[in-house]
Amino acid sequence: LLREVAACARLRHPNTIQILDHGAVGSNLLYMAMELVEGRTLHHAIRHDGPMGGVRLVNIMRQLCLSLREAHDAGMVHRDLKPGNVMLVDPGDGSEFVKLLDFGLVKELHFDDGLTGMDGVVGSPTYMSPEQIGGQPTDMRSDIYSLGVIMFTALAGRAPFGGINAVATMCGHLNSPPPPLHADLPGLVECPSL
């Protein structure tokens, strides 16, 4: 845990939650102090506002990608991208500022300490990449897949794959083609930047 927190503490992008301090007290107590971010999650926005327009989503996704680029350039994979880990902050000027939260499942690609379980099934089933579901090694492409699922969810107001339980949802990611967005949102052509 301390190794992962120390890795995340190196991230300085404005769209990434800042870890201000971390360490251990004795042999049994670990701590981490992060900046306080006030706002609402993307999950809350989708649930309460309904599907998002393309222009708004482009702004949110651009900021998420900037945050992830720094992490990926540092050899880190988030592995738990989901709307609940994206905070939308109102800076007071009517715009939305994005903070990517919860690097708790981060994996450093260029670090092998011999610990087992580093590539096990971790993440949130609705947003997991097929390789995560299969317990295979993950890299930046896993995060990109999850970003695509977040985009679909924000545009359609529902996730592309859902089931009666987590297993059914994961099977959808592994075995089903994603449903076409144009079937749900014929107005997508109105936002070329999307």
N, C-alpha and C. Protein backbone atom coordinates (compact mmCIF):
# COMPACT_ATOMS: atom_id res chain seq x y z
N LEU A 1 0.82 -1.19 0.00
CA LEU A 1 0.00 0.00 0.00
C LEU A 1 0.87 1.25 0.00
N LEU A 2 1.88 1.29 0.84
CA LEU A 2 2.73 2.48 0.89
C LEU A 2 3.43 2.72 -0.44
N ARG A 3 3.83 1.66 -1.13
CA ARG A 3 4.47 1.80 -2.43
C ARG A 3 3.51 2.43 -3.43
N GLU A 4 2.26 1.96 -3.43
CA GLU A 4 1.26 2.50 -4.35
C GLU A 4 0.92 3.95 -4.02
N VAL A 5 0.77 4.27 -2.74
CA VAL A 5 0.47 5.65 -2.34
C VAL A 5 1.63 6.56 -2.71
N ALA A 6 2.86 6.10 -2.48
CA ALA A 6 4.03 6.91 -2.83
C ALA A 6 4.07 7.18 -4.33
N ALA A 7 3.72 6.17 -5.14
CA ALA A 7 3.68 6.36 -6.59
C ALA A 7 2.63 7.40 -6.96
N CYS A 8 1.46 7.31 -6.38
CA CYS A 8 0.38 8.26 -6.69
C CYS A 8 0.71 9.66 -6.21
N ALA A 9 1.46 9.77 -5.12
CA ALA A 9 1.81 11.08 -4.58
C ALA A 9 2.71 11.85 -5.55
N ARG A 10 3.34 11.16 -6.49
CA ARG A 10 4.18 11.83 -7.49
C ARG A 10 3.35 12.51 -8.57
N LEU A 11 2.07 12.15 -8.69
CA LEU A 11 1.22 12.74 -9.72
C LEU A 11 0.84 14.16 -9.33
N ARG A 12 1.00 15.09 -10.25
CA ARG A 12 0.78 16.50 -9.94
C ARG A 12 -0.20 17.19 -10.88
N HIS A 13 -0.81 16.47 -11.79
CA HIS A 13 -1.71 17.12 -12.75
C HIS A 13 -2.89 17.75 -12.01
N PRO A 14 -3.33 18.93 -12.41
CA PRO A 14 -4.45 19.58 -11.71
C PRO A 14 -5.74 18.77 -11.73
N ASN A 15 -5.91 17.87 -12.69
CA ASN A 15 -7.13 17.05 -12.75
C ASN A 15 -7.01 15.75 -11.97
N THR A 16 -5.94 15.58 -11.23
CA THR A 16 -5.73 14.39 -10.42
C THR A 16 -5.77 14.76 -8.94
N ILE A 17 -6.48 13.97 -8.15
CA ILE A 17 -6.52 14.20 -6.70
C ILE A 17 -5.09 14.23 -6.17
N GLN A 18 -4.81 15.19 -5.32
CA GLN A 18 -3.45 15.32 -4.78
C GLN A 18 -3.34 14.61 -3.44
N ILE A 19 -2.31 13.80 -3.32
CA ILE A 19 -1.99 13.16 -2.04
C ILE A 19 -0.99 14.06 -1.35
N LEU A 20 -1.36 14.57 -0.21
CA LEU A 20 -0.56 15.57 0.49
C LEU A 20 0.48 14.95 1.42
N ASP A 21 0.13 13.79 2.00
CA ASP A 21 1.05 13.15 2.93
C ASP A 21 0.65 11.69 3.05
N HIS A 22 1.61 10.87 3.41
CA HIS A 22 1.34 9.45 3.64
C HIS A 22 2.46 8.88 4.49
N GLY A 23 2.18 7.75 5.12
CA GLY A 23 3.21 7.12 5.92
C GLY A 23 2.64 6.03 6.80
N ALA A 24 3.42 5.66 7.79
CA ALA A 24 3.03 4.61 8.73
C ALA A 24 3.28 5.09 10.14
N VAL A 25 2.40 4.68 11.03
CA VAL A 25 2.57 4.92 12.45
C VAL A 25 2.70 3.54 13.08
N GLY A 26 3.87 3.24 13.58
CA GLY A 26 4.10 1.90 14.11
C GLY A 26 4.08 0.89 12.97
N SER A 27 3.74 -0.33 13.31
CA SER A 27 3.75 -1.38 12.29
C SER A 27 2.35 -1.73 11.78
N ASN A 28 1.31 -1.17 12.37
CA ASN A 28 -0.05 -1.57 11.99
C ASN A 28 -0.95 -0.45 11.47
N LEU A 29 -0.49 0.79 11.46
CA LEU A 29 -1.35 1.89 11.07
C LEU A 29 -0.74 2.66 9.90
N LEU A 30 -1.43 2.61 8.77
CA LEU A 30 -1.01 3.37 7.59
C LEU A 30 -1.97 4.53 7.42
N TYR A 31 -1.46 5.64 6.89
CA TYR A 31 -2.34 6.78 6.68
C TYR A 31 -2.01 7.46 5.35
N MET A 32 -3.03 8.20 4.86
CA MET A 32 -2.88 8.97 3.65
C MET A 32 -3.78 10.19 3.80
N ALA A 33 -3.24 11.37 3.51
CA ALA A 33 -4.02 12.61 3.55
C ALA A 33 -4.10 13.16 2.13
N MET A 34 -5.35 13.44 1.67
CA MET A 34 -5.55 13.97 0.33
C MET A 34 -6.20 15.33 0.42
N GLU A 35 -6.12 16.07 -0.69
CA GLU A 35 -6.79 17.35 -0.75
C GLU A 35 -8.30 17.15 -0.63
N LEU A 36 -8.97 18.12 -0.08
CA LEU A 36 -10.43 18.10 0.02
C LEU A 36 -11.00 18.63 -1.28
N VAL A 37 -11.85 17.84 -1.92
CA VAL A 37 -12.48 18.24 -3.17
C VAL A 37 -13.99 18.23 -2.96
N GLU A 38 -14.61 19.37 -3.15
CA GLU A 38 -16.05 19.47 -2.97
C GLU A 38 -16.72 19.55 -4.33
N GLY A 39 -17.76 18.78 -4.50
CA GLY A 39 -18.49 18.75 -5.75
C GLY A 39 -19.40 17.54 -5.74
N ARG A 40 -19.67 17.03 -6.93
CA ARG A 40 -20.46 15.81 -7.03
C ARG A 40 -19.80 14.91 -8.06
N THR A 41 -20.06 13.63 -7.92
CA THR A 41 -19.43 12.68 -8.82
C THR A 41 -20.14 12.67 -10.17
N LEU A 42 -19.43 12.20 -11.17
CA LEU A 42 -20.03 12.01 -12.49
C LEU A 42 -21.19 11.02 -12.39
N HIS A 43 -21.07 10.02 -11.53
CA HIS A 43 -22.16 9.06 -11.30
C HIS A 43 -23.43 9.80 -10.86
N HIS A 44 -23.27 10.70 -9.90
CA HIS A 44 -24.40 11.47 -9.39
C HIS A 44 -24.99 12.34 -10.51
N ALA A 45 -24.13 12.96 -11.30
CA ALA A 45 -24.61 13.83 -12.39
C ALA A 45 -25.41 13.04 -13.41
N ILE A 46 -24.93 11.87 -13.79
CA ILE A 46 -25.65 11.04 -14.77
C ILE A 46 -26.99 10.59 -14.19
N ARG A 47 -26.96 10.16 -12.94
CA ARG A 47 -28.17 9.65 -12.30
C ARG A 47 -29.24 10.74 -12.14
N HIS A 48 -28.83 11.95 -11.77
CA HIS A 48 -29.79 13.00 -11.48
C HIS A 48 -30.09 13.93 -12.66
N ASP A 49 -29.12 14.10 -13.57
CA ASP A 49 -29.33 15.00 -14.71
C ASP A 49 -29.75 14.25 -15.96
N GLY A 50 -29.55 12.95 -15.99
CA GLY A 50 -29.84 12.17 -17.19
C GLY A 50 -28.66 12.19 -18.15
N PRO A 51 -28.88 11.65 -19.34
CA PRO A 51 -27.79 11.59 -20.33
C PRO A 51 -27.20 12.98 -20.61
N MET A 52 -25.90 13.00 -20.86
CA MET A 52 -25.18 14.26 -21.08
C MET A 52 -25.13 14.58 -22.57
N GLY A 53 -25.06 15.86 -22.83
CA GLY A 53 -24.81 16.31 -24.19
C GLY A 53 -23.35 16.13 -24.56
N GLY A 54 -23.09 16.09 -25.84
CA GLY A 54 -21.75 15.84 -26.33
C GLY A 54 -20.73 16.89 -25.94
N VAL A 55 -21.10 18.17 -25.98
CA VAL A 55 -20.15 19.24 -25.67
C VAL A 55 -19.70 19.13 -24.21
N ARG A 56 -20.64 18.93 -23.31
CA ARG A 56 -20.29 18.79 -21.89
C ARG A 56 -19.40 17.58 -21.67
N LEU A 57 -19.75 16.47 -22.31
CA LEU A 57 -18.96 15.25 -22.12
C LEU A 57 -17.56 15.39 -22.70
N VAL A 58 -17.41 16.07 -23.82
CA VAL A 58 -16.07 16.29 -24.39
C VAL A 58 -15.20 17.03 -23.38
N ASN A 59 -15.74 18.05 -22.72
CA ASN A 59 -14.99 18.81 -21.72
C ASN A 59 -14.56 17.90 -20.56
N ILE A 60 -15.46 17.07 -20.09
CA ILE A 60 -15.15 16.18 -18.97
C ILE A 60 -14.10 15.15 -19.39
N MET A 61 -14.31 14.53 -20.54
CA MET A 61 -13.39 13.47 -20.99
C MET A 61 -12.00 14.03 -21.30
N ARG A 62 -11.93 15.24 -21.85
CA ARG A 62 -10.63 15.85 -22.13
C ARG A 62 -9.82 15.98 -20.84
N GLN A 63 -10.47 16.45 -19.78
CA GLN A 63 -9.78 16.60 -18.50
C GLN A 63 -9.38 15.25 -17.90
N LEU A 64 -10.25 14.26 -18.03
CA LEU A 64 -9.90 12.91 -17.56
C LEU A 64 -8.69 12.37 -18.30
N CYS A 65 -8.68 12.57 -19.60
CA CYS A 65 -7.56 12.07 -20.41
C CYS A 65 -6.25 12.76 -20.04
N LEU A 66 -6.31 14.05 -19.74
CA LEU A 66 -5.10 14.76 -19.32
C LEU A 66 -4.56 14.18 -18.01
N SER A 67 -5.45 13.90 -17.08
CA SER A 67 -5.03 13.29 -15.82
C SER A 67 -4.40 11.93 -16.06
N LEU A 68 -5.09 11.12 -16.87
CA LEU A 68 -4.58 9.77 -17.13
C LEU A 68 -3.27 9.78 -17.91
N ARG A 69 -3.11 10.76 -18.80
CA ARG A 69 -1.86 10.81 -19.57
C ARG A 69 -0.66 10.92 -18.63
N GLU A 70 -0.77 11.76 -17.60
CA GLU A 70 0.34 11.87 -16.66
C GLU A 70 0.59 10.54 -15.96
N ALA A 71 -0.48 9.89 -15.51
CA ALA A 71 -0.33 8.60 -14.83
C ALA A 71 0.27 7.56 -15.77
N HIS A 72 -0.24 7.50 -17.00
CA HIS A 72 0.28 6.52 -17.96
C HIS A 72 1.73 6.81 -18.32
N ASP A 73 2.07 8.09 -18.50
CA ASP A 73 3.47 8.44 -18.79
C ASP A 73 4.39 8.04 -17.65
N ALA A 74 3.84 8.00 -16.42
CA ALA A 74 4.63 7.57 -15.25
C ALA A 74 4.59 6.05 -15.07
N GLY A 75 3.94 5.35 -16.02
CA GLY A 75 3.90 3.89 -15.94
C GLY A 75 2.85 3.36 -14.98
N MET A 76 1.78 4.12 -14.74
CA MET A 76 0.74 3.70 -13.80
C MET A 76 -0.58 3.48 -14.54
N VAL A 77 -1.30 2.45 -14.14
CA VAL A 77 -2.63 2.15 -14.67
C VAL A 77 -3.61 2.29 -13.51
N HIS A 78 -4.69 3.02 -13.72
CA HIS A 78 -5.65 3.30 -12.64
C HIS A 78 -6.41 2.03 -12.24
N ARG A 79 -6.98 1.32 -13.19
CA ARG A 79 -7.69 0.05 -13.04
C ARG A 79 -9.04 0.13 -12.31
N ASP A 80 -9.52 1.32 -11.98
CA ASP A 80 -10.86 1.42 -11.38
C ASP A 80 -11.55 2.70 -11.85
N LEU A 81 -11.42 2.98 -13.15
CA LEU A 81 -12.11 4.14 -13.69
C LEU A 81 -13.60 3.87 -13.75
N LYS A 82 -14.37 4.79 -13.20
CA LYS A 82 -15.83 4.69 -13.19
C LYS A 82 -16.37 6.07 -12.84
N PRO A 83 -17.63 6.34 -13.16
CA PRO A 83 -18.19 7.66 -12.86
C PRO A 83 -18.12 8.05 -11.38
N GLY A 84 -18.14 7.07 -10.49
CA GLY A 84 -18.04 7.37 -9.06
C GLY A 84 -16.67 7.84 -8.64
N ASN A 85 -15.66 7.67 -9.49
CA ASN A 85 -14.30 8.12 -9.18
C ASN A 85 -13.93 9.39 -9.95
N VAL A 86 -14.93 10.04 -10.50
CA VAL A 86 -14.72 11.30 -11.23
C VAL A 86 -15.53 12.38 -10.51
N MET A 87 -14.85 13.35 -9.96
CA MET A 87 -15.51 14.43 -9.24
C MET A 87 -15.65 15.64 -10.16
N LEU A 88 -16.85 16.21 -10.19
CA LEU A 88 -17.14 17.42 -10.96
C LEU A 88 -17.21 18.59 -9.98
N VAL A 89 -16.35 19.55 -10.18
CA VAL A 89 -16.24 20.69 -9.28
C VAL A 89 -16.67 21.94 -10.03
N ASP A 90 -17.43 22.79 -9.37
CA ASP A 90 -17.83 24.08 -9.94
C ASP A 90 -16.86 25.13 -9.42
N PRO A 91 -15.96 25.63 -10.28
CA PRO A 91 -14.99 26.63 -9.81
C PRO A 91 -15.60 28.02 -9.63
N GLY A 92 -16.91 28.15 -9.87
CA GLY A 92 -17.56 29.43 -9.64
C GLY A 92 -17.75 30.26 -10.90
N ASP A 93 -17.26 29.78 -12.03
CA ASP A 93 -17.40 30.56 -13.27
C ASP A 93 -18.35 29.88 -14.26
N GLY A 94 -19.11 28.89 -13.78
CA GLY A 94 -20.06 28.20 -14.64
C GLY A 94 -19.47 27.03 -15.41
N SER A 95 -18.17 26.83 -15.32
CA SER A 95 -17.55 25.69 -16.00
C SER A 95 -17.50 24.49 -15.05
N GLU A 96 -17.08 23.36 -15.57
CA GLU A 96 -16.89 22.17 -14.72
C GLU A 96 -15.42 21.80 -14.73
N PHE A 97 -14.88 21.59 -13.55
CA PHE A 97 -13.50 21.16 -13.41
C PHE A 97 -13.53 19.73 -12.90
N VAL A 98 -12.73 18.88 -13.49
CA VAL A 98 -12.75 17.44 -13.19
C VAL A 98 -11.56 17.07 -12.32
N LYS A 99 -11.82 16.22 -11.34
CA LYS A 99 -10.76 15.61 -10.52
C LYS A 99 -10.93 14.11 -10.59
N LEU A 100 -9.89 13.41 -10.98
CA LEU A 100 -9.88 11.95 -10.98
C LEU A 100 -9.46 11.48 -9.60
N LEU A 101 -10.30 10.64 -8.99
CA LEU A 101 -10.09 10.18 -7.62
C LEU A 101 -9.68 8.72 -7.57
N ASP A 102 -9.39 8.26 -6.41
CA ASP A 102 -9.25 6.86 -6.03
C ASP A 102 -8.29 6.07 -6.90
N PHE A 103 -7.02 6.33 -6.69
CA PHE A 103 -5.99 5.53 -7.33
C PHE A 103 -5.64 4.32 -6.47
N GLY A 104 -6.61 3.82 -5.71
CA GLY A 104 -6.38 2.72 -4.78
C GLY A 104 -6.01 1.41 -5.44
N LEU A 105 -6.38 1.23 -6.71
CA LEU A 105 -6.03 -0.01 -7.42
C LEU A 105 -4.93 0.22 -8.44
N VAL A 106 -4.23 1.35 -8.32
CA VAL A 106 -3.19 1.66 -9.29
C VAL A 106 -2.14 0.56 -9.35
N LYS A 107 -1.62 0.36 -10.54
CA LYS A 107 -0.57 -0.64 -10.73
C LYS A 107 0.55 0.03 -11.49
N GLU A 108 1.76 -0.11 -10.97
CA GLU A 108 2.92 0.39 -11.69
C GLU A 108 3.36 -0.69 -12.67
N LEU A 109 3.44 -0.31 -13.94
CA LEU A 109 3.76 -1.30 -14.98
C LEU A 109 5.21 -1.76 -14.92
N HIS A 110 6.11 -0.92 -14.45
CA HIS A 110 7.53 -1.26 -14.49
C HIS A 110 8.07 -1.64 -13.13
N PHE A 111 7.21 -2.17 -12.28
CA PHE A 111 7.64 -2.54 -10.93
C PHE A 111 7.17 -3.95 -10.64
N ASP A 112 8.07 -4.81 -10.27
CA ASP A 112 7.70 -6.18 -9.91
C ASP A 112 8.38 -6.51 -8.60
N ASP A 113 7.57 -6.57 -7.54
CA ASP A 113 8.14 -6.87 -6.23
C ASP A 113 7.91 -8.31 -5.82
N GLY A 114 7.40 -9.12 -6.77
CA GLY A 114 7.17 -10.53 -6.49
C GLY A 114 5.90 -10.81 -5.73
N LEU A 115 5.11 -9.78 -5.41
CA LEU A 115 3.87 -10.02 -4.69
C LEU A 115 2.87 -10.67 -5.61
N THR A 116 2.09 -11.58 -5.09
CA THR A 116 1.07 -12.23 -5.90
C THR A 116 -0.20 -11.41 -5.88
N GLY A 117 -1.06 -11.68 -6.84
CA GLY A 117 -2.36 -11.04 -6.88
C GLY A 117 -2.38 -9.67 -7.52
N MET A 118 -1.28 -9.23 -8.10
CA MET A 118 -1.24 -7.90 -8.70
C MET A 118 -2.12 -7.81 -9.94
N ASP A 119 -2.36 -8.93 -10.63
CA ASP A 119 -3.17 -8.90 -11.84
C ASP A 119 -4.46 -9.68 -11.65
N GLY A 120 -4.92 -9.85 -10.44
CA GLY A 120 -6.18 -10.53 -10.20
C GLY A 120 -7.34 -9.69 -10.68
N VAL A 121 -8.53 -10.20 -10.49
CA VAL A 121 -9.72 -9.49 -10.91
C VAL A 121 -10.00 -8.38 -9.91
N VAL A 122 -9.70 -7.14 -10.31
CA VAL A 122 -9.94 -5.97 -9.47
C VAL A 122 -10.63 -4.91 -10.31
N GLY A 123 -11.50 -4.15 -9.68
CA GLY A 123 -12.20 -3.09 -10.38
C GLY A 123 -13.69 -3.19 -10.16
N SER A 124 -14.42 -2.39 -10.92
CA SER A 124 -15.88 -2.36 -10.84
C SER A 124 -16.43 -3.04 -12.09
N PRO A 125 -17.17 -4.14 -11.96
CA PRO A 125 -17.58 -4.95 -13.12
C PRO A 125 -18.21 -4.17 -14.27
N THR A 126 -18.98 -3.14 -13.99
CA THR A 126 -19.64 -2.40 -15.06
C THR A 126 -18.64 -1.69 -15.96
N TYR A 127 -17.45 -1.37 -15.45
CA TYR A 127 -16.48 -0.56 -16.19
C TYR A 127 -15.17 -1.28 -16.46
N MET A 128 -15.08 -2.54 -16.12
CA MET A 128 -13.83 -3.29 -16.27
C MET A 128 -13.56 -3.69 -17.71
N SER A 129 -12.29 -3.71 -18.07
CA SER A 129 -11.89 -4.17 -19.40
C SER A 129 -11.91 -5.70 -19.43
N PRO A 130 -12.03 -6.28 -20.61
CA PRO A 130 -12.03 -7.74 -20.71
C PRO A 130 -10.80 -8.39 -20.08
N GLU A 131 -9.62 -7.78 -20.23
CA GLU A 131 -8.43 -8.39 -19.63
C GLU A 131 -8.47 -8.34 -18.11
N GLN A 132 -9.05 -7.30 -17.54
CA GLN A 132 -9.23 -7.27 -16.08
C GLN A 132 -10.15 -8.39 -15.64
N ILE A 133 -11.25 -8.55 -16.36
CA ILE A 133 -12.22 -9.58 -16.02
C ILE A 133 -11.58 -10.96 -16.08
N GLY A 134 -10.73 -11.17 -17.08
CA GLY A 134 -10.07 -12.46 -17.24
C GLY A 134 -8.86 -12.66 -16.35
N GLY A 135 -8.54 -11.67 -15.50
CA GLY A 135 -7.39 -11.79 -14.61
C GLY A 135 -6.06 -11.75 -15.34
N GLN A 136 -6.06 -11.16 -16.53
CA GLN A 136 -4.85 -11.06 -17.33
C GLN A 136 -4.11 -9.76 -17.00
N PRO A 137 -2.85 -9.66 -17.41
CA PRO A 137 -2.11 -8.41 -17.16
C PRO A 137 -2.82 -7.22 -17.81
N THR A 138 -2.77 -6.09 -17.12
CA THR A 138 -3.40 -4.88 -17.61
C THR A 138 -2.34 -3.84 -17.96
N ASP A 139 -2.70 -2.96 -18.87
CA ASP A 139 -1.85 -1.82 -19.19
C ASP A 139 -2.75 -0.63 -19.48
N MET A 140 -2.22 0.40 -20.09
CA MET A 140 -2.98 1.62 -20.32
C MET A 140 -4.26 1.38 -21.12
N ARG A 141 -4.24 0.37 -21.99
CA ARG A 141 -5.42 0.09 -22.81
C ARG A 141 -6.63 -0.30 -21.95
N SER A 142 -6.39 -0.87 -20.79
CA SER A 142 -7.49 -1.20 -19.88
C SER A 142 -8.20 0.08 -19.42
N ASP A 143 -7.42 1.10 -19.10
CA ASP A 143 -8.00 2.38 -18.71
C ASP A 143 -8.76 3.01 -19.87
N ILE A 144 -8.22 2.91 -21.08
CA ILE A 144 -8.88 3.49 -22.25
C ILE A 144 -10.22 2.80 -22.49
N TYR A 145 -10.27 1.48 -22.34
CA TYR A 145 -11.53 0.75 -22.46
C TYR A 145 -12.55 1.29 -21.45
N SER A 146 -12.11 1.44 -20.20
CA SER A 146 -13.00 1.94 -19.15
C SER A 146 -13.48 3.35 -19.46
N LEU A 147 -12.62 4.18 -20.04
CA LEU A 147 -13.05 5.52 -20.45
C LEU A 147 -14.16 5.44 -21.49
N GLY A 148 -14.05 4.49 -22.41
CA GLY A 148 -15.09 4.30 -23.40
C GLY A 148 -16.42 3.91 -22.77
N VAL A 149 -16.36 3.06 -21.76
CA VAL A 149 -17.59 2.65 -21.07
C VAL A 149 -18.18 3.84 -20.32
N ILE A 150 -17.33 4.66 -19.73
CA ILE A 150 -17.81 5.87 -19.04
C ILE A 150 -18.49 6.80 -20.05
N MET A 151 -17.88 6.99 -21.22
CA MET A 151 -18.48 7.85 -22.24
C MET A 151 -19.84 7.34 -22.66
N PHE A 152 -19.92 6.04 -22.93
CA PHE A 152 -21.20 5.45 -23.33
C PHE A 152 -22.25 5.70 -22.26
N THR A 153 -21.89 5.44 -21.01
CA THR A 153 -22.82 5.59 -19.90
C THR A 153 -23.31 7.03 -19.77
N ALA A 154 -22.39 7.98 -19.91
CA ALA A 154 -22.77 9.39 -19.79
C ALA A 154 -23.68 9.83 -20.93
N LEU A 155 -23.43 9.33 -22.13
CA LEU A 155 -24.24 9.71 -23.29
C LEU A 155 -25.60 9.04 -23.30
N ALA A 156 -25.63 7.77 -22.93
CA ALA A 156 -26.88 7.00 -23.00
C ALA A 156 -27.67 7.02 -21.70
N GLY A 157 -27.01 7.40 -20.60
CA GLY A 157 -27.69 7.36 -19.31
C GLY A 157 -27.76 5.97 -18.72
N ARG A 158 -27.07 5.03 -19.35
CA ARG A 158 -27.01 3.64 -18.87
C ARG A 158 -25.72 3.02 -19.39
N ALA A 159 -25.24 2.03 -18.69
CA ALA A 159 -24.02 1.34 -19.10
C ALA A 159 -24.31 0.45 -20.31
N PRO A 160 -23.29 0.19 -21.14
CA PRO A 160 -23.51 -0.65 -22.32
C PRO A 160 -23.82 -2.10 -21.97
N PHE A 161 -23.26 -2.57 -20.87
CA PHE A 161 -23.50 -3.95 -20.46
C PHE A 161 -24.02 -3.95 -19.03
N GLY A 162 -25.11 -4.62 -18.84
CA GLY A 162 -25.68 -4.75 -17.51
C GLY A 162 -26.29 -6.12 -17.40
N GLY A 163 -26.42 -6.59 -16.22
CA GLY A 163 -27.00 -7.91 -16.02
C GLY A 163 -27.63 -7.98 -14.66
N ILE A 164 -28.16 -9.14 -14.37
CA ILE A 164 -28.83 -9.31 -13.08
C ILE A 164 -27.83 -9.37 -11.94
N ASN A 165 -26.56 -9.59 -12.28
CA ASN A 165 -25.51 -9.60 -11.26
C ASN A 165 -24.17 -9.28 -11.91
N ALA A 166 -23.12 -9.22 -11.09
CA ALA A 166 -21.80 -8.85 -11.59
C ALA A 166 -21.28 -9.84 -12.63
N VAL A 167 -21.56 -11.11 -12.45
CA VAL A 167 -21.09 -12.13 -13.39
C VAL A 167 -21.72 -11.91 -14.76
N ALA A 168 -23.02 -11.63 -14.79
CA ALA A 168 -23.70 -11.38 -16.07
C ALA A 168 -23.14 -10.13 -16.75
N THR A 169 -22.86 -9.11 -15.97
CA THR A 169 -22.28 -7.88 -16.53
C THR A 169 -20.90 -8.17 -17.11
N MET A 170 -20.07 -8.89 -16.39
CA MET A 170 -18.73 -9.21 -16.89
C MET A 170 -18.81 -10.08 -18.14
N CYS A 171 -19.76 -10.99 -18.20
CA CYS A 171 -19.94 -11.81 -19.40
C CYS A 171 -20.29 -10.94 -20.60
N GLY A 172 -21.05 -9.89 -20.38
CA GLY A 172 -21.37 -8.97 -21.47
C GLY A 172 -20.12 -8.33 -22.04
N HIS A 173 -19.21 -7.88 -21.17
CA HIS A 173 -17.95 -7.30 -21.63
C HIS A 173 -17.14 -8.31 -22.44
N LEU A 174 -17.16 -9.56 -22.01
CA LEU A 174 -16.35 -10.59 -22.65
C LEU A 174 -16.95 -11.12 -23.94
N ASN A 175 -18.28 -11.19 -24.03
CA ASN A 175 -18.91 -11.96 -25.11
C ASN A 175 -19.84 -11.19 -26.03
N SER A 176 -20.20 -9.97 -25.70
CA SER A 176 -21.19 -9.25 -26.50
C SER A 176 -20.57 -8.01 -27.13
N PRO A 177 -20.99 -7.72 -28.36
CA PRO A 177 -20.55 -6.44 -28.94
C PRO A 177 -21.27 -5.30 -28.23
N PRO A 178 -20.63 -4.15 -28.11
CA PRO A 178 -21.33 -3.04 -27.46
C PRO A 178 -22.52 -2.61 -28.29
N PRO A 179 -23.61 -2.23 -27.62
CA PRO A 179 -24.76 -1.76 -28.38
C PRO A 179 -24.41 -0.45 -29.09
N PRO A 180 -24.94 -0.25 -30.29
CA PRO A 180 -24.61 1.00 -31.01
C PRO A 180 -25.25 2.20 -30.33
N LEU A 181 -24.46 3.24 -30.16
CA LEU A 181 -24.98 4.45 -29.52
C LEU A 181 -26.04 5.13 -30.38
N HIS A 182 -25.89 5.10 -31.68
CA HIS A 182 -26.84 5.82 -32.53
C HIS A 182 -28.26 5.31 -32.37
N ALA A 183 -28.41 4.09 -31.91
CA ALA A 183 -29.76 3.56 -31.69
C ALA A 183 -30.45 4.30 -30.54
N ASP A 184 -29.66 4.69 -29.54
CA ASP A 184 -30.22 5.41 -28.39
C ASP A 184 -30.20 6.93 -28.58
N LEU A 185 -29.20 7.42 -29.29
CA LEU A 185 -28.98 8.86 -29.38
C LEU A 185 -28.74 9.29 -30.82
N PRO A 186 -29.79 9.39 -31.61
CA PRO A 186 -29.59 9.79 -33.01
C PRO A 186 -29.01 11.19 -33.15
N GLY A 187 -29.06 12.02 -32.11
CA GLY A 187 -28.52 13.37 -32.18
C GLY A 187 -27.02 13.47 -31.98
N LEU A 188 -26.30 12.36 -31.90
CA LEU A 188 -24.85 12.40 -31.69
C LEU A 188 -24.13 13.17 -32.76
N VAL A 189 -24.66 13.18 -33.98
CA VAL A 189 -24.00 13.88 -35.08
C VAL A 189 -23.93 15.38 -34.83
N GLU A 190 -24.67 15.88 -33.85
CA GLU A 190 -24.66 17.31 -33.55
C GLU A 190 -23.38 17.75 -32.84
N CYS A 191 -22.53 16.83 -32.41
CA CYS A 191 -21.29 17.18 -31.70
C CYS A 191 -20.11 16.52 -32.41
N PRO A 192 -19.60 17.14 -33.49
CA PRO A 192 -18.50 16.54 -34.23
C PRO A 192 -17.26 16.29 -33.37
N SER A 193 -16.99 17.13 -32.35
CA SER A 193 -15.80 16.93 -31.54
C SER A 193 -15.87 15.66 -30.70
N LEU A 194 -17.08 15.16 -30.49
CA LEU A 194 -17.22 13.91 -29.73
C LEU A 194 -16.68 12.76 -30.55
